[in-house]
PDB file of N, CA and C in Angstrom:
ATOM      1  N   MET A   1    -122.325  54.679  75.043  1.00  0.00           N
ATOM      2  CA  MET A   1    -122.417  54.075  76.316  1.00  0.00           C
ATOM      3  C   MET A   1    -121.100  54.371  77.071  1.00  0.00           C
ATOM      4  N   LYS A   2    -121.271  54.940  78.324  1.00  0.00           N
ATOM      5  CA  LYS A   2    -120.110  55.202  79.082  1.00  0.00           C
ATOM      6  C   LYS A   2    -119.562  53.996  79.698  1.00  0.00           C
ATOM      7  N   ARG A   3    -118.196  53.800  79.760  1.00  0.00           N
ATOM      8  CA  ARG A   3    -117.495  52.734  80.374  1.00  0.00           C
ATOM      9  C   ARG A   3    -117.543  52.866  81.828  1.00  0.00           C
ATOM     10  N   LYS A   4    -117.813  51.794  82.537  1.00  0.00           N
ATOM     11  CA  LYS A   4    -117.760  51.687  84.088  1.00  0.00           C
ATOM     12  C   LYS A   4    -116.317  51.934  84.441  1.00  0.00           C
ATOM     13  N   PRO A   5    -116.139  53.039  85.305  1.00  0.00           N
ATOM     14  CA  PRO A   5    -114.732  53.252  85.832  1.00  0.00           C
ATOM     15  C   PRO A   5    -114.199  52.107  86.701  1.00  0.00           C
ATOM     16  N   THR A   6    -112.922  51.864  86.568  1.00  0.00           N
ATOM     17  CA  THR A   6    -112.313  50.865  87.450  1.00  0.00           C
ATOM     18  C   THR A   6    -112.160  51.353  88.865  1.00  0.00           C
ATOM     19  N   LYS A   7    -112.332  50.736  89.804  1.00  0.00           N
ATOM     20  CA  LYS A   7    -112.421  51.272  91.219  1.00  0.00           C
ATOM     21  C   LYS A   7    -111.140  51.023  91.975  1.00  0.00           C
ATOM     22  N   THR A   8    -110.350  50.069  91.559  1.00  0.00           N
ATOM     23  CA  THR A   8    -109.139  49.735  92.404  1.00  0.00           C
ATOM     24  C   THR A   8    -107.962  49.528  91.515  1.00  0.00           C
ATOM     25  N   PRO A   9    -106.822  49.823  92.108  1.00  0.00           N
ATOM     26  CA  PRO A   9    -105.502  49.407  91.300  1.00  0.00           C
ATOM     27  C   PRO A   9    -105.607  47.972  90.816  1.00  0.00           C
ATOM     28  N   ALA A  10    -106.112  47.167  91.653  1.00  0.00           N
ATOM     29  CA  ALA A  10    -106.060  45.671  91.114  1.00  0.00           C
ATOM     30  C   ALA A  10    -106.987  45.512  89.820  1.00  0.00           C
ATOM     31  N   GLU A  11    -108.129  46.219  89.673  1.00  0.00           N
ATOM     32  CA  GLU A  11    -108.895  46.094  88.506  1.00  0.00           C
ATOM     33  C   GLU A  11    -108.202  46.787  87.375  1.00  0.00           C
ATOM     34  N   ARG A  12    -107.501  47.916  87.626  1.00  0.00           N
ATOM     35  CA  ARG A  12    -106.783  48.632  86.488  1.00  0.00           C
ATOM     36  C   ARG A  12    -105.620  47.804  86.069  1.00  0.00           C
ATOM     37  N   MET A  13    -104.944  47.123  86.971  1.00  0.00           N
ATOM     38  CA  MET A  13    -103.778  46.351  86.637  1.00  0.00           C
ATOM     39  C   MET A  13    -104.199  45.184  85.717  1.00  0.00           C
ATOM     40  N   TYR A  14    -105.243  44.506  86.195  1.00  0.00           N
ATOM     41  CA  TYR A  14    -105.907  43.478  85.336  1.00  0.00           C
ATOM     42  C   TYR A  14    -106.281  43.893  83.946  1.00  0.00           C
ATOM     43  N   LEU A  15    -107.019  45.024  83.943  1.00  0.00           N
ATOM     44  CA  LEU A  15    -107.472  45.554  82.649  1.00  0.00           C
ATOM     45  C   LEU A  15    -106.326  45.932  81.735  1.00  0.00           C
ATOM     46  N   ALA A  16    -105.339  46.595  82.213  1.00  0.00           N
ATOM     47  CA  ALA A  16    -104.152  47.030  81.400  1.00  0.00           C
ATOM     48  C   ALA A  16    -103.409  45.793  80.819  1.00  0.00           C
ATOM     49  N   ARG A  17    -103.306  44.747  81.816  1.00  0.00           N
ATOM     50  CA  ARG A  17    -102.561  43.453  81.305  1.00  0.00           C
ATOM     51  C   ARG A  17    -103.236  42.751  80.278  1.00  0.00           C
ATOM     52  N   THR A  18    -104.605  42.632  80.464  1.00  0.00           N
ATOM     53  CA  THR A  18    -105.312  41.827  79.481  1.00  0.00           C
ATOM     54  C   THR A  18    -105.501  42.498  78.123  1.00  0.00           C
ATOM     55  N   ARG A  19    -105.583  43.893  78.267  1.00  0.00           N
ATOM     56  CA  ARG A  19    -105.685  44.684  76.943  1.00  0.00           C
ATOM     57  C   ARG A  19    -104.446  44.462  76.055  1.00  0.00           C
ATOM     58  N   ILE A  20    -103.294  44.212  76.670  1.00  0.00           N
ATOM     59  CA  ILE A  20    -102.130  44.080  75.750  1.00  0.00           C
ATOM     60  C   ILE A  20    -101.774  42.492  75.641  1.00  0.00           C
ATOM     61  N   LYS A  21    -102.737  41.698  76.074  1.00  0.00           N
ATOM     62  CA  LYS A  21    -102.713  40.205  75.978  1.00  0.00           C
ATOM     63  C   LYS A  21    -101.462  39.677  76.586  1.00  0.00           C
ATOM     64  N   MET A  22    -101.068  40.215  77.775  1.00  0.00           N
ATOM     65  CA  MET A  22     -99.894  39.755  78.553  1.00  0.00           C
ATOM     66  C   MET A  22    -100.414  38.843  79.658  1.00  0.00           C
ATOM     67  N   SER A  23     -99.779  37.671  79.699  1.00  0.00           N
ATOM     68  CA  SER A  23    -100.206  36.686  80.717  1.00  0.00           C
ATOM     69  C   SER A  23     -99.574  37.088  82.149  1.00  0.00           C
ATOM     70  N   ARG A  24    -100.226  36.578  83.130  1.00  0.00           N
ATOM     71  CA  ARG A  24     -99.722  36.886  84.533  1.00  0.00           C
ATOM     72  C   ARG A  24     -98.241  36.303  84.595  1.00  0.00           C
ATOM     73  N   ARG A  25     -97.996  35.150  84.017  1.00  0.00           N
ATOM     74  CA  ARG A  25     -96.648  34.554  84.037  1.00  0.00           C
ATOM     75  C   ARG A  25     -95.642  35.559  83.386  1.00  0.00           C
ATOM     76  N   ASP A  26     -96.018  36.124  82.180  1.00  0.00           N
ATOM     77  CA  ASP A  26     -95.076  37.021  81.564  1.00  0.00           C
ATOM     78  C   ASP A  26     -94.831  38.394  82.327  1.00  0.00           C
ATOM     79  N   LEU A  27     -95.843  38.873  82.915  1.00  0.00           N
ATOM     80  CA  LEU A  27     -95.762  40.089  83.808  1.00  0.00           C
ATOM     81  C   LEU A  27     -94.900  39.710  84.927  1.00  0.00           C
ATOM     82  N   ALA A  28     -95.062  38.603  85.574  1.00  0.00           N
ATOM     83  CA  ALA A  28     -94.195  38.194  86.771  1.00  0.00           C
ATOM     84  C   ALA A  28     -92.773  38.105  86.351  1.00  0.00           C
ATOM     85  N   HIS A  29     -92.570  37.516  85.133  1.00  0.00           N
ATOM     86  CA  HIS A  29     -91.133  37.441  84.628  1.00  0.00           C
ATOM     87  C   HIS A  29     -90.479  38.810  84.416  1.00  0.00           C
ATOM     88  N   VAL A  30     -91.316  39.741  83.785  1.00  0.00           N
ATOM     89  CA  VAL A  30     -90.684  41.061  83.559  1.00  0.00           C
ATOM     90  C   VAL A  30     -90.403  41.784  84.893  1.00  0.00           C
ATOM     91  N   LEU A  31     -91.282  41.584  85.880  1.00  0.00           N
ATOM     92  CA  LEU A  31     -91.107  42.245  87.153  1.00  0.00           C
ATOM     93  C   LEU A  31     -90.104  41.514  88.136  1.00  0.00           C
ATOM     94  N   SER A  32     -89.716  40.304  87.762  1.00  0.00           N
ATOM     95  CA  SER A  32     -88.968  39.401  88.650  1.00  0.00           C
ATOM     96  C   SER A  32     -89.664  39.116  89.974  1.00  0.00           C
ATOM     97  N   VAL A  33     -90.971  38.734  89.931  1.00  0.00           N
ATOM     98  CA  VAL A  33     -91.783  38.311  91.035  1.00  0.00           C
ATOM     99  C   VAL A  33     -92.447  37.043  90.702  1.00  0.00           C
ATOM    100  N   SER A  34     -93.038  36.395  91.619  1.00  0.00           N
ATOM    101  CA  SER A  34     -93.831  35.156  91.301  1.00  0.00           C
ATOM    102  C   SER A  34     -95.088  35.410  90.652  1.00  0.00           C
ATOM    103  N   GLU A  35     -95.591  34.412  89.977  1.00  0.00           N
ATOM    104  CA  GLU A  35     -96.950  34.626  89.399  1.00  0.00           C
ATOM    105  C   GLU A  35     -97.941  34.772  90.554  1.00  0.00           C
ATOM    106  N   ILE A  36     -97.735  34.071  91.643  1.00  0.00           N
ATOM    107  CA  ILE A  36     -98.678  34.134  92.810  1.00  0.00           C
ATOM    108  C   ILE A  36     -98.694  35.664  93.344  1.00  0.00           C
ATOM    109  N   MET A  37     -97.665  36.365  93.249  1.00  0.00           N
ATOM    110  CA  MET A  37     -97.681  37.823  93.646  1.00  0.00           C
ATOM    111  C   MET A  37     -98.512  38.609  92.678  1.00  0.00           C
ATOM    112  N   ILE A  38     -98.452  38.243  91.411  1.00  0.00           N
ATOM    113  CA  ILE A  38     -99.334  39.040  90.475  1.00  0.00           C
ATOM    114  C   ILE A  38    -100.794  38.710  90.763  1.00  0.00           C
ATOM    115  N   ILE A  39    -101.091  37.391  91.000  1.00  0.00           N
ATOM    116  CA  ILE A  39    -102.481  37.053  91.312  1.00  0.00           C
ATOM    117  C   ILE A  39    -103.033  37.675  92.541  1.00  0.00           C
ATOM    118  N   LYS A  40    -102.109  37.853  93.555  1.00  0.00           N
ATOM    119  CA  LYS A  40    -102.533  38.636  94.829  1.00  0.00           C
ATOM    120  C   LYS A  40    -102.690  40.036  94.547  1.00  0.00           C
ATOM    121  N   TRP A  41    -101.776  40.695  93.698  1.00  0.00           N
ATOM    122  CA  TRP A  41    -101.951  42.034  93.361  1.00  0.00           C
ATOM    123  C   TRP A  41    -103.275  42.263  92.535  1.00  0.00           C
ATOM    124  N   GLU A  42    -103.727  41.354  91.857  1.00  0.00           N
ATOM    125  CA  GLU A  42    -104.902  41.601  90.992  1.00  0.00           C
ATOM    126  C   GLU A  42    -106.072  40.977  91.721  1.00  0.00           C
ATOM    127  N   GLY A  43    -105.980  40.528  92.874  1.00  0.00           N
ATOM    128  CA  GLY A  43    -107.066  39.864  93.626  1.00  0.00           C
ATOM    129  C   GLY A  43    -108.108  40.881  93.900  1.00  0.00           C
ATOM    130  N   LYS A  44    -109.338  40.199  94.052  1.00  0.00           N
ATOM    131  CA  LYS A  44    -110.542  41.044  94.290  1.00  0.00           C
ATOM    132  C   LYS A  44    -110.705  41.451  95.738  1.00  0.00           C
ATOM    133  N   GLY A  45    -109.965  40.923  96.584  1.00  0.00           N
ATOM    134  CA  GLY A  45    -110.135  41.235  98.049  1.00  0.00           C
ATOM    135  C   GLY A  45    -109.621  42.624  98.369  1.00  0.00           C
ATOM    136  N   VAL A  46    -109.829  42.949  99.629  1.00  0.00           N
ATOM    137  CA  VAL A  46    -109.418  44.374 100.037  1.00  0.00           C
ATOM    138  C   VAL A  46    -108.288  44.087 101.004  1.00  0.00           C
ATOM    139  N   ASP A  47    -107.325  43.265 100.697  1.00  0.00           N
ATOM    140  CA  ASP A  47    -106.243  42.965 101.627  1.00  0.00           C
ATOM    141  C   ASP A  47    -105.067  43.923 101.252  1.00  0.00           C
ATOM    142  N   CYS A  48    -104.867  44.881 102.122  1.00  0.00           N
ATOM    143  CA  CYS A  48    -103.822  45.880 101.905  1.00  0.00           C
ATOM    144  C   CYS A  48    -102.387  45.265 102.010  1.00  0.00           C
ATOM    145  N   LEU A  49    -102.288  44.102 102.626  1.00  0.00           N
ATOM    146  CA  LEU A  49    -101.064  43.424 102.799  1.00  0.00           C
ATOM    147  C   LEU A  49    -100.495  43.080 101.396  1.00  0.00           C
ATOM    148  N   HIS A  50    -101.321  43.002 100.458  1.00  0.00           N
ATOM    149  CA  HIS A  50    -100.874  42.532  99.179  1.00  0.00           C
ATOM    150  C   HIS A  50    -100.841  43.690  98.078  1.00  0.00           C
ATOM    151  N   ASP A  51    -101.070  44.936  98.547  1.00  0.00           N
ATOM    152  CA  ASP A  51    -100.922  46.035  97.730  1.00  0.00           C
ATOM    153  C   ASP A  51     -99.450  46.293  97.353  1.00  0.00           C
ATOM    154  N   PRO A  52     -99.099  46.509  96.115  1.00  0.00           N
ATOM    155  CA  PRO A  52     -97.726  46.701  95.744  1.00  0.00           C
ATOM    156  C   PRO A  52     -97.257  48.186  96.288  1.00  0.00           C
ATOM    157  N   LYS A  53     -95.977  48.189  96.625  1.00  0.00           N
ATOM    158  CA  LYS A  53     -95.375  49.439  97.038  1.00  0.00           C
ATOM    159  C   LYS A  53     -95.412  50.437  95.871  1.00  0.00           C
ATOM    160  N   LEU A  54     -95.141  51.654  96.127  1.00  0.00           N
ATOM    161  CA  LEU A  54     -95.143  52.759  95.168  1.00  0.00           C
ATOM    162  C   LEU A  54     -93.990  52.554  94.063  1.00  0.00           C
ATOM    163  N   SER A  55     -92.883  52.046  94.541  1.00  0.00           N
ATOM    164  CA  SER A  55     -91.796  51.713  93.563  1.00  0.00           C
ATOM    165  C   SER A  55     -92.291  50.631  92.654  1.00  0.00           C
ATOM    166  N   THR A  56     -92.979  49.613  93.158  1.00  0.00           N
ATOM    167  CA  THR A  56     -93.562  48.539  92.438  1.00  0.00           C
ATOM    168  C   THR A  56     -94.514  48.967  91.418  1.00  0.00           C
ATOM    169  N   ILE A  57     -95.376  49.840  91.837  1.00  0.00           N
ATOM    170  CA  ILE A  57     -96.505  50.391  91.066  1.00  0.00           C
ATOM    171  C   ILE A  57     -95.728  51.079  89.709  1.00  0.00           C
ATOM    172  N   ASN A  58     -94.699  51.812  89.948  1.00  0.00           N
ATOM    173  CA  ASN A  58     -94.005  52.389  88.856  1.00  0.00           C
ATOM    174  C   ASN A  58     -93.458  51.314  87.889  1.00  0.00           C
ATOM    175  N   ARG A  59     -92.939  50.254  88.429  1.00  0.00           N
ATOM    176  CA  ARG A  59     -92.406  49.163  87.541  1.00  0.00           C
ATOM    177  C   ARG A  59     -93.564  48.469  86.843  1.00  0.00           C
ATOM    178  N   ILE A  60     -94.616  48.242  87.530  1.00  0.00           N
ATOM    179  CA  ILE A  60     -95.858  47.590  86.871  1.00  0.00           C
ATOM    180  C   ILE A  60     -96.306  48.478  85.718  1.00  0.00           C
ATOM    181  N   ALA A  61     -96.494  49.808  86.002  1.00  0.00           N
ATOM    182  CA  ALA A  61     -96.915  50.728  84.992  1.00  0.00           C
ATOM    183  C   ALA A  61     -96.035  50.746  83.759  1.00  0.00           C
ATOM    184  N   LYS A  62     -94.829  50.770  84.035  1.00  0.00           N
ATOM    185  CA  LYS A  62     -93.888  50.748  82.849  1.00  0.00           C
ATOM    186  C   LYS A  62     -93.967  49.545  82.082  1.00  0.00           C
ATOM    187  N   ALA A  63     -94.050  48.296  82.760  1.00  0.00           N
ATOM    188  CA  ALA A  63     -94.129  47.065  82.069  1.00  0.00           C
ATOM    189  C   ALA A  63     -95.527  47.036  81.280  1.00  0.00           C
ATOM    190  N   LEU A  64     -96.487  47.639  81.691  1.00  0.00           N
ATOM    191  CA  LEU A  64     -97.840  47.684  81.035  1.00  0.00           C
ATOM    192  C   LEU A  64     -98.066  48.837  80.072  1.00  0.00           C
ATOM    193  N   SER A  65     -97.041  49.683  80.037  1.00  0.00           N
ATOM    194  CA  SER A  65     -97.157  50.893  79.216  1.00  0.00           C
ATOM    195  C   SER A  65     -98.379  51.860  79.553  1.00  0.00           C
ATOM    196  N   ILE A  66     -98.462  52.026  80.919  1.00  0.00           N
ATOM    197  CA  ILE A  66     -99.552  52.853  81.409  1.00  0.00           C
ATOM    198  C   ILE A  66     -99.057  53.933  82.363  1.00  0.00           C
ATOM    199  N   SER A  67     -99.773  54.800  82.741  1.00  0.00           N
ATOM    200  CA  SER A  67     -99.344  55.882  83.695  1.00  0.00           C
ATOM    201  C   SER A  67     -99.390  55.295  85.150  1.00  0.00           C
ATOM    202  N   PRO A  68     -98.351  55.557  85.956  1.00  0.00           N
ATOM    203  CA  PRO A  68     -98.451  55.125  87.327  1.00  0.00           C
ATOM    204  C   PRO A  68     -99.652  55.829  88.047  1.00  0.00           C
ATOM    205  N   ALA A  69     -99.989  57.046  87.757  1.00  0.00           N
ATOM    206  CA  ALA A  69    -100.994  57.746  88.368  1.00  0.00           C
ATOM    207  C   ALA A  69    -102.339  57.121  88.023  1.00  0.00           C
ATOM    208  N   TRP A  70    -102.562  56.541  86.791  1.00  0.00           N
ATOM    209  CA  TRP A  70    -103.818  55.945  86.500  1.00  0.00           C
ATOM    210  C   TRP A  70    -103.820  54.603  87.285  1.00  0.00           C
ATOM    211  N   LEU A  71    -102.720  53.772  87.278  1.00  0.00           N
ATOM    212  CA  LEU A  71    -102.673  52.551  87.936  1.00  0.00           C
ATOM    213  C   LEU A  71    -103.021  52.723  89.412  1.00  0.00           C
ATOM    214  N   ALA A  72    -102.405  53.630  90.042  1.00  0.00           N
ATOM    215  CA  ALA A  72    -102.473  53.833  91.532  1.00  0.00           C
ATOM    216  C   ALA A  72    -103.942  54.543  91.945  1.00  0.00           C
ATOM    217  N   PHE A  73    -104.324  55.470  91.116  1.00  0.00           N
ATOM    218  CA  PHE A  73    -105.551  56.320  91.593  1.00  0.00           C
ATOM    219  C   PHE A  73    -106.515  56.382  90.571  1.00  0.00           C
ATOM    220  N   GLY A  74    -106.378  55.890  89.389  1.00  0.00           N
ATOM    221  CA  GLY A  74    -107.491  55.894  88.361  1.00  0.00           C
ATOM    222  C   GLY A  74    -107.463  57.280  87.718  1.00  0.00           C
ATOM    223  N   ALA A  75    -106.444  58.131  87.798  1.00  0.00           N
ATOM    224  CA  ALA A  75    -106.390  59.379  87.294  1.00  0.00           C
ATOM    225  C   ALA A  75    -105.103  59.618  86.622  1.00  0.00           C
ATOM    226  N   SER A  76    -105.111  60.686  85.716  1.00  0.00           N
ATOM    227  CA  SER A  76    -103.838  61.120  85.042  1.00  0.00           C
ATOM    228  C   SER A  76    -103.654  62.562  85.562  1.00  0.00           C
ATOM    229  N   PHE A  77    -102.540  62.999  85.309  1.00  0.00           N
ATOM    230  CA  PHE A  77    -102.212  64.373  85.667  1.00  0.00           C
ATOM    231  C   PHE A  77    -102.967  65.368  84.909  1.00  0.00           C
ATOM    232  N   SER A  78    -103.649  65.019  83.765  1.00  0.00           N
ATOM    233  CA  SER A  78    -104.493  65.978  83.054  1.00  0.00           C
ATOM    234  C   SER A  78    -105.793  66.019  83.602  1.00  0.00           C
ATOM    235  N   ASP A  79    -106.308  65.039  84.412  1.00  0.00           N
ATOM    236  CA  ASP A  79    -107.580  64.990  85.123  1.00  0.00           C
ATOM    237  C   ASP A  79    -107.725  66.061  86.013  1.00  0.00           C
ATOM    238  N   ARG A  80    -108.933  66.603  86.127  1.00  0.00           N
ATOM    239  CA  ARG A  80    -109.110  67.695  87.128  1.00  0.00           C
ATOM    240  C   ARG A  80    -109.591  67.101  88.422  1.00  0.00           C
ATOM    241  N   ILE A  81    -109.023  67.583  89.531  1.00  0.00           N
ATOM    242  CA  ILE A  81    -109.244  67.014  90.880  1.00  0.00           C
ATOM    243  C   ILE A  81    -110.115  67.881  91.623  1.00  0.00           C
TER     244      ILE A  81
END
């Protein structure tokens, strides 16, 4: 059975964080942001005001041990476009 692709950076961030069993509080601590900010970034809404900046995406990806390209776009450099 094929896994449903994640559509948004918020979904990918949540998926990556929960796969490594990291709490929102722990991720917030690693990134030096509030837990509320993590909740907003992982939010289901389409509020671009709460999208993390590219530099923050890189920090999030590093903290979650994932590719920044996958987090931001759902792709890796090896994917064909």
